[in-house]
N, C-alpha and C. Protein backbone atom coordinates (compact mmCIF):
# COMPACT_ATOMS: atom_id res chain seq x y z
N MET A 1 -5.57 50.15 82.74
CA MET A 1 -5.96 49.71 81.90
C MET A 1 -5.29 49.99 80.32
N THR A 2 -4.59 48.34 79.82
CA THR A 2 -4.37 48.81 78.28
C THR A 2 -5.11 48.91 77.03
N THR A 3 -4.80 50.27 76.74
CA THR A 3 -5.65 50.26 75.22
C THR A 3 -4.93 50.18 73.85
N ARG A 4 -5.12 48.76 72.99
CA ARG A 4 -4.43 49.04 72.02
C ARG A 4 -5.15 49.28 70.75
N HIS A 5 -5.02 50.08 69.62
CA HIS A 5 -5.67 50.20 68.69
C HIS A 5 -5.06 49.24 66.96
N ALA A 6 -5.75 48.25 66.63
CA ALA A 6 -5.32 48.11 65.96
C ALA A 6 -6.02 47.84 64.40
N GLU A 7 -5.69 48.45 62.78
CA GLU A 7 -6.57 48.39 61.88
C GLU A 7 -5.97 47.78 60.81
N CYS A 8 -6.70 48.21 60.18
CA CYS A 8 -6.43 47.59 58.39
C CYS A 8 -5.28 48.02 57.90
N SER A 9 -4.83 48.21 56.47
CA SER A 9 -4.01 48.67 55.95
C SER A 9 -4.32 49.71 55.55
N CYS A 10 -5.04 49.99 55.01
CA CYS A 10 -5.99 51.77 54.65
C CYS A 10 -6.46 52.59 55.47
N GLY A 11 -6.51 51.38 56.82
CA GLY A 11 -7.34 52.96 58.15
C GLY A 11 -8.38 52.78 58.16
N GLN A 12 -9.32 52.51 57.40
CA GLN A 12 -10.90 52.92 57.05
C GLN A 12 -11.68 51.98 58.68
N LEU A 13 -11.11 49.88 58.68
CA LEU A 13 -11.47 49.23 59.28
C LEU A 13 -10.80 49.06 61.14
N THR A 14 -11.47 49.28 61.55
CA THR A 14 -10.37 49.73 63.10
C THR A 14 -10.79 48.44 64.48
N ALA A 15 -9.98 48.56 65.07
CA ALA A 15 -10.99 47.84 66.55
C ALA A 15 -9.69 48.22 67.72
N THR A 16 -10.25 48.36 68.47
CA THR A 16 -9.79 49.04 70.09
C THR A 16 -10.13 48.23 70.85
N THR A 17 -8.89 48.28 71.45
CA THR A 17 -9.29 46.96 72.75
C THR A 17 -8.79 47.80 74.17
N ARG A 18 -9.76 46.95 75.15
CA ARG A 18 -9.44 47.75 76.18
C ARG A 18 -9.15 47.59 77.52
N CYS A 19 -8.42 46.19 77.19
CA CYS A 19 -7.96 45.19 78.49
C CYS A 19 -6.69 44.53 77.60
N GLU A 20 -6.09 43.60 79.06
CA GLU A 20 -5.25 42.76 77.92
C GLU A 20 -5.82 41.30 77.54
N PRO A 21 -5.12 41.06 76.14
CA PRO A 21 -5.77 39.73 75.94
C PRO A 21 -5.44 38.63 76.60
N VAL A 22 -7.03 38.00 76.68
CA VAL A 22 -7.48 36.77 77.25
C VAL A 22 -6.07 35.21 77.06
N ARG A 23 -5.92 35.59 75.83
CA ARG A 23 -4.83 34.81 74.91
C ARG A 23 -4.61 34.92 73.69
N ILE A 24 -3.45 34.86 73.84
CA ILE A 24 -2.17 34.89 72.20
C ILE A 24 -2.05 33.45 71.78
N SER A 25 -2.02 33.36 70.72
CA SER A 25 -1.51 32.46 70.03
C SER A 25 -1.51 31.89 68.53
N VAL A 26 -0.93 31.24 68.54
CA VAL A 26 -0.34 31.11 67.03
C VAL A 26 -1.07 29.90 66.03
N CYS A 27 -1.36 30.12 65.07
CA CYS A 27 -2.08 28.85 64.05
C CYS A 27 -1.42 27.98 62.92
N HIS A 28 -1.11 27.21 63.01
CA HIS A 28 -0.37 26.55 61.65
C HIS A 28 -1.35 25.72 61.01
N CYS A 29 -2.42 26.27 60.76
CA CYS A 29 -3.44 24.91 59.69
C CYS A 29 -3.43 25.57 58.74
N LEU A 30 -3.69 24.78 57.97
CA LEU A 30 -3.59 25.70 56.49
C LEU A 30 -4.40 27.24 55.65
N SER A 31 -5.88 26.43 56.55
CA SER A 31 -6.55 27.59 56.43
C SER A 31 -5.91 29.37 57.21
N CYS A 32 -5.26 29.04 58.11
CA CYS A 32 -4.42 30.76 58.75
C CYS A 32 -3.85 30.87 57.35
N GLN A 33 -3.00 29.68 56.78
CA GLN A 33 -1.79 30.33 56.58
C GLN A 33 -2.49 30.78 54.56
N ARG A 34 -3.61 30.85 54.66
CA ARG A 34 -4.24 31.34 53.43
C ARG A 34 -4.60 32.55 53.31
N ARG A 35 -5.48 32.42 54.86
CA ARG A 35 -5.71 34.13 55.34
C ARG A 35 -5.07 34.52 55.93
N SER A 36 -3.77 34.44 56.20
CA SER A 36 -2.64 35.44 56.55
C SER A 36 -1.98 35.41 55.18
N GLY A 37 -1.76 35.22 54.58
CA GLY A 37 -0.67 34.54 53.74
C GLY A 37 0.99 34.68 54.09
N SER A 38 0.81 34.50 55.27
CA SER A 38 2.22 33.65 55.87
C SER A 38 2.61 31.76 55.96
N ALA A 39 3.33 31.75 56.82
CA ALA A 39 3.57 30.05 57.42
C ALA A 39 2.58 30.18 58.25
N PHE A 40 2.33 31.22 59.05
CA PHE A 40 0.93 30.65 59.91
C PHE A 40 0.31 32.44 60.79
N ALA A 41 -0.60 32.31 61.51
CA ALA A 41 -1.20 32.97 62.05
C ALA A 41 -1.15 33.31 63.65
N ALA A 42 -0.97 35.00 63.68
CA ALA A 42 -0.39 35.19 64.87
C ALA A 42 -1.91 35.90 65.39
N GLN A 43 -2.60 35.44 66.60
CA GLN A 43 -3.50 36.48 67.18
C GLN A 43 -4.08 36.94 68.44
N ALA A 44 -4.58 37.86 68.81
CA ALA A 44 -4.89 37.39 70.17
C ALA A 44 -7.06 37.97 70.15
N ARG A 45 -6.68 37.31 71.40
CA ARG A 45 -8.46 36.83 71.98
C ARG A 45 -8.43 38.28 72.39
N PHE A 46 -9.63 38.41 73.24
CA PHE A 46 -10.36 39.55 73.91
C PHE A 46 -11.51 39.38 74.23
N PRO A 47 -12.12 39.75 75.35
CA PRO A 47 -13.84 39.70 75.57
C PRO A 47 -14.25 40.70 74.51
N ARG A 48 -15.05 39.98 74.33
CA ARG A 48 -16.26 40.81 73.47
C ARG A 48 -16.93 42.80 73.32
N GLU A 49 -16.89 42.46 75.15
CA GLU A 49 -17.34 43.96 75.49
C GLU A 49 -16.12 44.47 75.52
N HIS A 50 -14.95 43.89 75.65
CA HIS A 50 -13.71 45.23 75.63
C HIS A 50 -13.13 45.63 74.68
N VAL A 51 -13.90 45.50 73.57
CA VAL A 51 -13.62 45.70 72.15
C VAL A 51 -14.69 46.17 71.13
N SER A 52 -14.31 47.67 70.52
CA SER A 52 -14.75 48.39 69.84
C SER A 52 -14.34 48.62 68.16
N VAL A 53 -15.14 48.82 67.43
CA VAL A 53 -15.08 47.97 65.81
C VAL A 53 -14.95 50.06 64.85
N ALA A 54 -15.00 49.86 64.70
CA ALA A 54 -15.29 51.23 63.83
C ALA A 54 -14.99 51.30 61.93
N GLY A 55 -15.39 51.55 61.33
CA GLY A 55 -15.78 51.50 59.91
C GLY A 55 -16.27 50.23 59.18
N ARG A 56 -16.87 50.21 57.77
CA ARG A 56 -17.25 49.20 57.07
C ARG A 56 -16.58 47.72 57.44
N ALA A 57 -17.27 46.99 57.60
CA ALA A 57 -16.79 45.31 57.16
C ALA A 57 -17.07 44.48 56.49
N THR A 58 -16.74 43.61 55.33
CA THR A 58 -17.22 42.74 55.13
C THR A 58 -16.57 41.38 55.70
N GLN A 59 -17.88 40.43 55.57
CA GLN A 59 -17.52 39.01 56.44
C GLN A 59 -17.68 38.15 55.06
N TYR A 60 -16.61 37.09 55.84
CA TYR A 60 -16.54 36.19 55.03
C TYR A 60 -16.33 34.61 56.61
N VAL A 61 -17.48 33.93 56.15
CA VAL A 61 -17.62 32.76 57.14
C VAL A 61 -17.16 31.54 56.67
N ARG A 62 -16.26 30.59 57.43
CA ARG A 62 -15.72 29.45 56.87
C ARG A 62 -16.34 28.36 57.92
N THR A 63 -15.77 27.25 57.63
CA THR A 63 -16.44 26.32 58.93
C THR A 63 -14.92 25.66 59.22
N ALA A 64 -13.86 25.89 60.48
CA ALA A 64 -12.89 25.45 61.23
C ALA A 64 -12.81 23.79 60.97
N ASP A 65 -11.65 23.16 60.65
CA ASP A 65 -11.69 22.10 61.28
C ASP A 65 -11.97 21.52 62.22
N SER A 66 -12.20 21.96 63.24
CA SER A 66 -13.05 22.05 64.38
C SER A 66 -14.71 21.28 64.11
N GLY A 67 -15.14 21.94 63.10
CA GLY A 67 -16.46 22.03 62.44
C GLY A 67 -17.53 23.30 62.93
N ASN A 68 -16.22 23.95 64.32
CA ASN A 68 -17.30 25.23 64.58
C ASN A 68 -17.31 26.73 63.12
N LYS A 69 -17.66 27.01 62.77
CA LYS A 69 -17.80 28.45 62.05
C LYS A 69 -17.27 29.87 62.47
N LEU A 70 -16.10 30.40 61.62
CA LEU A 70 -15.01 31.33 62.16
C LEU A 70 -15.77 32.40 61.07
N THR A 71 -16.08 33.68 61.91
CA THR A 71 -16.75 34.89 60.52
C THR A 71 -15.36 35.94 60.88
N PHE A 72 -15.13 35.76 60.15
CA PHE A 72 -14.02 37.12 59.57
C PHE A 72 -14.06 38.25 59.28
N ASN A 73 -13.54 39.54 59.63
CA ASN A 73 -14.66 40.77 59.28
C ASN A 73 -12.96 41.35 58.49
N PHE A 74 -13.21 41.98 57.09
CA PHE A 74 -12.24 42.13 56.91
C PHE A 74 -12.21 43.87 56.01
N CYS A 75 -11.39 44.65 55.83
CA CYS A 75 -12.09 45.88 55.05
C CYS A 75 -12.59 45.55 53.60
N PRO A 76 -13.45 45.96 53.36
CA PRO A 76 -13.77 45.75 51.40
C PRO A 76 -12.96 46.65 50.75
N ASP A 77 -12.23 47.96 51.42
CA ASP A 77 -11.05 48.92 50.66
C ASP A 77 -10.21 48.02 49.88
N CYS A 78 -9.11 47.39 51.44
CA CYS A 78 -7.57 46.82 50.96
C CYS A 78 -7.62 45.56 51.80
N GLY A 79 -8.49 45.25 52.13
CA GLY A 79 -8.60 43.70 52.46
C GLY A 79 -8.31 43.10 53.33
N ALA A 80 -7.81 43.90 54.20
CA ALA A 80 -6.98 42.92 55.97
C ALA A 80 -7.90 43.02 56.82
N THR A 81 -8.45 41.86 57.04
CA THR A 81 -8.52 41.22 58.58
C THR A 81 -7.93 41.57 59.68
N VAL A 82 -9.05 42.48 59.83
CA VAL A 82 -9.05 43.43 61.39
C VAL A 82 -9.85 42.34 62.60
N TYR A 83 -10.91 41.51 62.56
CA TYR A 83 -11.20 41.02 63.58
C TYR A 83 -12.22 39.81 63.56
N TYR A 84 -12.40 38.77 64.12
CA TYR A 84 -13.24 37.88 63.72
C TYR A 84 -13.29 36.72 65.26
N TRP A 85 -14.23 35.71 65.06
CA TRP A 85 -14.86 35.34 65.89
C TRP A 85 -15.47 33.68 65.56
N ALA A 86 -15.64 33.51 66.76
CA ALA A 86 -15.84 31.97 66.15
C ALA A 86 -16.83 31.42 67.22
N GLU A 87 -17.96 30.92 66.57
CA GLU A 87 -19.35 30.72 66.85
C GLU A 87 -19.16 30.53 68.57
N ALA A 88 -18.18 28.89 68.64
CA ALA A 88 -17.94 28.57 69.93
C ALA A 88 -18.07 28.67 70.97
N ILE A 89 -17.26 30.62 70.97
CA ILE A 89 -17.00 31.61 71.85
C ILE A 89 -17.44 32.79 71.35
N PRO A 90 -18.79 32.98 71.13
CA PRO A 90 -19.02 33.99 70.65
C PRO A 90 -18.53 35.85 71.84
N ASP A 91 -18.70 35.07 72.98
CA ASP A 91 -18.41 36.20 73.41
C ASP A 91 -16.61 37.18 73.69
N VAL A 92 -15.86 36.58 72.54
CA VAL A 92 -14.62 36.79 72.35
C VAL A 92 -14.31 36.79 70.76
N ILE A 93 -13.69 38.17 70.92
CA ILE A 93 -13.54 38.76 69.06
C ILE A 93 -11.76 38.48 69.55
N ALA A 94 -11.02 38.08 68.10
CA ALA A 94 -9.83 37.69 67.61
C ALA A 94 -9.62 38.89 67.34
N VAL A 95 -7.71 39.37 67.66
CA VAL A 95 -7.70 40.17 66.30
C VAL A 95 -5.80 40.06 66.06
N PRO A 96 -5.66 39.87 64.39
CA PRO A 96 -4.74 39.52 64.28
C PRO A 96 -3.32 40.42 64.44
N LEU A 97 -2.50 39.98 65.03
CA LEU A 97 -1.48 40.83 65.55
C LEU A 97 -0.79 41.50 64.56
N GLY A 98 -1.11 40.89 63.52
CA GLY A 98 -0.23 42.48 62.86
C GLY A 98 -1.29 43.40 62.49
N ALA A 99 -2.27 43.37 63.22
CA ALA A 99 -3.17 44.67 62.67
C ALA A 99 -2.69 45.88 63.91
N PHE A 100 -2.40 45.67 65.20
CA PHE A 100 -1.76 46.11 65.84
C PHE A 100 -0.74 46.53 65.57
N ALA A 101 0.41 46.31 64.30
CA ALA A 101 0.99 46.80 63.68
C ALA A 101 2.28 47.29 65.01
N ASP A 102 2.07 46.27 66.10
CA ASP A 102 3.30 47.14 67.29
C ASP A 102 4.03 45.77 68.03
N PRO A 103 5.42 45.99 67.81
CA PRO A 103 6.25 45.28 67.78
C PRO A 103 6.55 45.00 68.99
N THR A 104 6.28 45.72 70.55
CA THR A 104 6.34 45.42 72.26
C THR A 104 5.18 44.54 72.25
N PHE A 105 4.04 44.24 71.52
CA PHE A 105 2.39 43.28 71.46
C PHE A 105 3.35 41.95 71.81
N PRO A 106 2.99 41.88 73.41
CA PRO A 106 3.17 40.34 74.18
C PRO A 106 3.39 38.95 72.92
N ALA A 107 4.32 38.43 73.33
CA ALA A 107 4.53 37.34 72.62
C ALA A 107 3.42 35.99 72.14
N PRO A 108 3.18 35.21 71.96
CA PRO A 108 1.92 34.13 71.50
C PRO A 108 2.78 33.15 72.72
N LYS A 109 1.29 32.72 73.61
CA LYS A 109 1.32 31.59 74.13
C LYS A 109 0.82 30.35 74.11
N PHE A 110 0.40 30.24 72.78
CA PHE A 110 -0.14 28.73 72.47
C PHE A 110 0.27 28.81 70.77
N SER A 111 0.37 27.20 70.46
CA SER A 111 0.74 27.33 69.48
C SER A 111 0.04 26.04 68.49
N VAL A 112 -1.01 26.23 68.10
CA VAL A 112 -2.10 25.15 67.83
C VAL A 112 -1.84 24.61 66.07
N TYR A 113 -1.29 23.10 65.63
CA TYR A 113 -1.67 23.04 64.60
C TYR A 113 -0.12 22.89 64.11
N GLU A 114 0.71 22.33 65.16
CA GLU A 114 1.82 22.49 64.66
C GLU A 114 2.86 21.31 63.41
N ALA A 115 1.60 20.10 63.15
CA ALA A 115 1.53 18.89 62.18
C ALA A 115 1.60 19.90 61.23
N ARG A 116 1.51 21.38 60.80
CA ARG A 116 1.47 21.52 59.89
C ARG A 116 1.70 22.84 59.59
N GLN A 117 3.24 22.95 60.67
CA GLN A 117 4.12 24.27 60.64
C GLN A 117 5.24 23.76 59.99
N HIS A 118 5.50 24.55 58.99
CA HIS A 118 6.81 24.96 58.63
C HIS A 118 7.89 24.22 58.95
N PRO A 119 8.88 23.13 58.32
CA PRO A 119 10.05 23.36 59.23
C PRO A 119 10.72 24.43 59.51
N TRP A 120 10.58 25.58 59.73
CA TRP A 120 11.73 26.50 59.81
C TRP A 120 11.40 27.44 61.03
N VAL A 121 10.20 27.32 61.20
CA VAL A 121 9.58 27.96 61.67
C VAL A 121 9.83 27.58 63.43
N HIS A 122 10.50 28.28 64.42
CA HIS A 122 10.59 27.93 65.60
C HIS A 122 9.94 28.65 66.36
N ILE A 123 8.88 28.18 67.39
CA ILE A 123 8.36 28.65 68.68
C ILE A 123 8.96 28.81 69.88
N ASP A 124 9.63 29.37 70.75
CA ASP A 124 9.75 29.09 72.28
C ASP A 124 9.37 27.66 72.48
N ALA A 125 10.23 27.10 73.30
CA ALA A 125 10.03 26.45 74.03
C ALA A 125 8.78 26.37 75.04
N ASP A 126 8.72 27.11 75.81
CA ASP A 126 7.54 27.02 77.43
C ASP A 126 6.41 27.85 76.19
N VAL A 127 5.95 27.63 75.36
CA VAL A 127 4.96 28.06 74.61
C VAL A 127 3.82 26.67 74.63
N GLU A 128 2.85 26.70 75.32
CA GLU A 128 2.12 25.68 75.10
C GLU A 128 1.34 25.57 73.50
N ARG A 129 1.60 23.88 73.53
CA ARG A 129 1.38 23.11 71.95
C ARG A 129 0.09 21.95 72.20
N MET A 130 -1.19 22.77 71.10
CA MET A 130 -2.22 22.13 71.30
C MET A 130 -2.31 21.63 69.82
N ASP A 131 -2.86 20.61 69.28
CA ASP A 131 -3.13 19.94 68.03
C ASP A 131 -4.36 19.48 67.96
């Protein structure tokens, strides 16, 4: 069993995963760009029962382009998002890859909203694309 530890910038809010991710993806939508402060957001999804969270979290709920609501949980002290979920798949928790701070984390296998991808971003050819 693979155990990974994710945390916010100050370490107050954590998420521990106890399995391999069911999906690793990058999203190029404008909302993810704003949330991550980058040209795209990278995240890994895990079954909810294999994720433990600790610490205080503040929630922000937004409606995605799909119409589904997403609930982001971020540290009220440093502001870093540590985990989130979509109402359409409530049994899954997503964790931004950066929260793991692990350069050996497996690469994404899915890329979404590529119509909004920055032209200088290059995604491996074997990654499945969905818009």
